[in-house]
Amino acid sequence: MNTRAATVTSADGPAAQGNRIRHLDWDDIQAQAARIAAAVRTARAPQTVVAVVRGGMVPAVLLAHQLGIRDVRALEVTHTVDDSANAAKTTEPEVRNPASLGGIDGLDVLVVDDVAGTGQALASAVRIVEQAGAARVRSAVLVVNEANWTGGKPPGETVTWIGETVRGWVVFPWEASAAAGAEGAS
């Protein structure tokens, strides 16, 4: 498996067809994190994990534990105006408190998020980490929603490791109130 454009697994079943809501449970998340961690290890583990706040916190911590990385940082980048399904997007991703990265000059960094919809929030986070002086920046997401993808290149050419590809909204297990409402947020 190469280190660029590696989709760890793809959804071929009903969740990947049409614009459905994909509900992931904790077993799904653990399995995706384990597959991504195995792929990362083959390409050399990073020194630091940066979570895209808020959704990227859980997968970032899971990956950090599986990779034996203690240095986990956060960067708040948002591109939706609220947490509702198919929420309106801001014109550009909004970054809050980029100083929360701390000193990452010269480090090998893995930027992690739960989902890449348009891909713009993740791209913004990667760009900020690069501008902060990281020596190497790679990215991982649990899910890419191809129905919303607007990146100039296909997701596999932009995101280093993808846990699953779907065409529709995704609800994660830590989104308890969203899951109860069946609409979800990601």
Protein backbone atom coordinates (compact mmCIF):
# COMPACT_ATOMS: atom_id res chain seq x y z
CA MET A 1 0.00 0.00 0.00
CA ASN A 2 1.47 3.35 -0.95
CA THR A 3 1.52 6.30 1.42
CA ARG A 4 -0.40 8.62 -0.91
CA ALA A 5 -3.99 8.06 -1.80
CA ALA A 6 -4.40 4.91 0.24
CA THR A 7 -8.02 4.04 0.86
CA VAL A 8 -7.87 1.51 3.62
CA THR A 9 -11.31 0.14 2.82
CA SER A 10 -14.34 1.18 0.82
CA ALA A 11 -18.02 0.66 1.47
CA ASP A 12 -19.43 -1.42 -1.37
CA GLY A 13 -22.78 -2.19 0.22
CA PRO A 14 -25.99 -0.20 0.47
CA ALA A 15 -24.40 2.57 2.55
CA ALA A 16 -22.18 3.44 -0.41
CA GLN A 17 -25.10 3.65 -2.82
CA GLY A 18 -27.22 6.77 -3.24
CA ASN A 19 -27.40 9.54 -0.66
CA ARG A 20 -28.17 7.60 2.48
CA ILE A 21 -27.31 8.19 6.08
CA ARG A 22 -24.45 5.94 7.22
CA HIS A 23 -24.57 5.18 10.96
CA LEU A 24 -21.19 4.05 12.28
CA ASP A 25 -20.95 2.25 15.61
CA TRP A 26 -17.98 1.95 17.95
CA ASP A 27 -16.92 -1.36 16.37
CA ASP A 28 -16.81 0.35 12.95
CA ILE A 29 -14.70 3.18 14.37
CA GLN A 30 -12.28 0.84 16.16
CA ALA A 31 -11.87 -1.29 13.02
CA GLN A 32 -11.24 1.73 10.79
CA ALA A 33 -8.73 3.20 13.26
CA ALA A 34 -6.90 -0.13 13.44
CA ARG A 35 -6.71 -0.41 9.63
CA ILE A 36 -5.53 3.17 9.26
CA ALA A 37 -2.94 2.73 12.04
CA ALA A 38 -1.59 -0.40 10.34
CA ALA A 39 -1.24 1.50 7.06
CA VAL A 40 0.43 4.47 8.80
CA ARG A 41 2.93 2.15 10.50
CA THR A 42 4.05 0.74 7.14
CA ALA A 43 4.85 4.28 6.00
CA ARG A 44 6.52 5.34 9.28
CA ALA A 45 4.52 6.70 12.19
CA PRO A 46 4.46 10.48 12.66
CA GLN A 47 5.80 12.28 15.73
CA THR A 48 2.63 14.29 16.34
CA VAL A 49 -1.08 13.85 15.71
CA VAL A 50 -3.21 16.95 15.09
CA ALA A 51 -6.95 16.54 15.51
CA VAL A 52 -9.34 18.71 13.55
CA VAL A 53 -11.69 19.87 16.28
CA ARG A 54 -14.35 18.78 17.03
CA GLY A 55 -15.06 15.56 15.15
CA GLY A 56 -11.43 14.61 14.66
CA MET A 57 -10.68 14.41 18.39
CA VAL A 58 -11.94 10.85 18.90
CA PRO A 59 -10.25 9.27 15.86
CA ALA A 60 -7.05 11.24 16.55
CA VAL A 61 -6.82 9.90 20.09
CA LEU A 62 -7.60 6.35 18.92
CA LEU A 63 -4.90 6.55 16.25
CA ALA A 64 -2.39 8.10 18.65
CA HIS A 65 -2.91 5.24 21.12
CA GLN A 66 -2.58 2.61 18.40
CA LEU A 67 0.56 4.26 17.03
CA GLY A 68 2.10 4.87 20.48
CA ILE A 69 2.15 8.65 19.99
CA ARG A 70 1.75 10.81 23.09
CA ASP A 71 1.89 14.20 21.36
CA VAL A 72 -1.71 14.98 20.33
CA ARG A 73 -2.75 18.51 19.46
CA ALA A 74 -5.93 20.21 18.28
CA LEU A 75 -6.82 22.71 15.59
CA GLU A 76 -10.35 24.08 15.25
CA VAL A 77 -11.47 24.29 11.64
CA THR A 78 -15.18 24.44 10.78
CA HIS A 79 -16.96 24.61 7.48
CA THR A 80 -20.60 24.10 8.47
CA VAL A 81 -22.80 26.62 10.23
CA ASP A 82 -24.31 24.01 12.58
CA ASP A 83 -24.46 20.27 13.26
CA SER A 84 -27.60 19.40 11.29
CA ALA A 85 -27.57 16.95 8.39
CA ASN A 86 -26.49 18.64 5.18
CA ALA A 87 -25.93 21.89 7.08
CA ALA A 88 -25.14 25.04 5.15
CA LYS A 89 -21.45 25.72 4.59
CA THR A 90 -19.52 28.88 5.26
CA THR A 91 -17.87 30.40 2.19
CA GLU A 92 -14.44 29.28 3.41
CA PRO A 93 -13.46 27.03 6.32
CA GLU A 94 -13.05 29.05 9.52
CA VAL A 95 -9.95 28.56 11.66
CA ARG A 96 -10.00 29.46 15.32
CA ASN A 97 -6.90 29.72 17.53
CA PRO A 98 -4.22 28.34 15.19
CA ALA A 99 -1.73 28.97 18.01
CA SER A 100 -3.18 25.88 19.72
CA LEU A 101 -0.84 23.83 17.51
CA GLY A 102 2.14 24.97 19.53
CA GLY A 103 5.60 24.49 18.08
CA ILE A 104 5.54 21.90 15.30
CA ASP A 105 8.51 23.19 13.33
CA GLY A 106 10.41 20.27 11.82
CA LEU A 107 7.98 17.57 13.03
CA ASP A 108 6.36 14.75 11.09
CA VAL A 109 2.59 15.37 11.57
CA LEU A 110 -0.56 13.37 10.93
CA VAL A 111 -3.70 15.55 10.62
CA VAL A 112 -6.84 13.56 11.53
CA ASP A 113 -10.55 14.24 11.08
CA ASP A 114 -13.67 12.13 11.35
CA VAL A 115 -15.15 12.98 7.96
CA ALA A 116 -14.16 14.85 4.84
CA GLY A 117 -17.24 16.21 3.12
CA THR A 118 -16.11 18.88 0.68
CA GLY A 119 -12.50 18.28 1.74
CA GLN A 120 -11.94 21.99 2.31
CA ALA A 121 -11.74 21.90 6.13
CA LEU A 122 -9.14 19.13 6.05
CA ALA A 123 -7.19 20.93 3.31
CA SER A 124 -7.21 24.11 5.44
CA ALA A 125 -5.93 22.21 8.47
CA VAL A 126 -3.14 20.58 6.43
CA ARG A 127 -2.16 23.97 4.96
CA ILE A 128 -1.99 25.56 8.45
CA VAL A 129 0.20 22.73 9.74
CA GLU A 130 2.49 23.06 6.72
CA GLN A 131 2.71 26.85 7.20
CA ALA A 132 3.58 26.27 10.88
CA GLY A 133 6.75 24.56 9.73
CA ALA A 134 6.03 20.83 9.93
CA ALA A 135 8.65 18.83 8.04
CA ARG A 136 6.11 16.30 6.77
CA VAL A 137 2.30 16.43 6.80
CA ARG A 138 0.00 13.52 6.05
CA SER A 139 -3.73 13.18 6.65
CA ALA A 140 -6.28 10.56 7.65
CA VAL A 141 -10.06 10.53 7.86
CA LEU A 142 -12.44 7.81 8.92
CA VAL A 143 -14.89 8.63 6.13
CA VAL A 144 -14.99 10.59 2.87
CA ASN A 145 -18.45 11.63 1.69
CA GLU A 146 -18.00 11.63 -2.08
CA ALA A 147 -21.49 13.13 -2.56
CA ASN A 148 -20.20 16.43 -1.10
CA TRP A 149 -16.57 16.30 -2.31
CA THR A 150 -15.56 19.49 -4.13
CA GLY A 151 -11.79 19.17 -4.05
CA GLY A 152 -10.08 19.76 -7.37
CA LYS A 153 -8.58 16.27 -7.21
CA PRO A 154 -10.20 12.97 -6.19
CA PRO A 155 -10.19 12.28 -2.42
CA GLY A 156 -7.52 9.61 -2.77
CA GLU A 157 -5.12 12.16 -4.23
CA THR A 158 -5.73 14.65 -1.41
CA VAL A 159 -6.18 12.53 1.73
CA THR A 160 -3.34 10.16 2.60
CA TRP A 161 -5.45 7.52 4.40
CA ILE A 162 -9.22 7.05 4.09
CA GLY A 163 -11.05 4.56 6.29
CA GLU A 164 -14.22 4.36 4.21
CA THR A 165 -15.83 6.11 1.25
CA VAL A 166 -19.58 6.73 1.16
CA ARG A 167 -22.08 8.82 -0.77
CA GLY A 168 -24.23 10.37 1.92
CA TRP A 169 -24.39 11.75 5.42
CA VAL A 170 -22.49 10.05 8.25
CA VAL A 171 -23.50 9.76 11.90
CA PHE A 172 -20.77 8.85 14.38
CA PRO A 173 -21.40 7.11 17.73
CA TRP A 174 -20.20 10.13 19.73
CA GLU A 175 -23.01 12.16 18.18
CA ALA A 176 -25.61 10.70 20.54
CA SER A 177 -28.19 13.44 20.21
CA ALA A 178 -27.83 13.48 16.44
CA ALA A 179 -28.15 9.71 16.19
CA ALA A 180 -31.33 9.80 18.26
CA GLY A 181 -32.80 12.33 15.84
CA ALA A 182 -31.84 10.10 12.86
CA GLU A 183 -30.59 13.11 10.91
CA GLY A 184 -27.09 13.19 12.35
CA ALA A 185 -24.24 15.61 12.00
CA SER A 186 -20.78 15.37 10.57
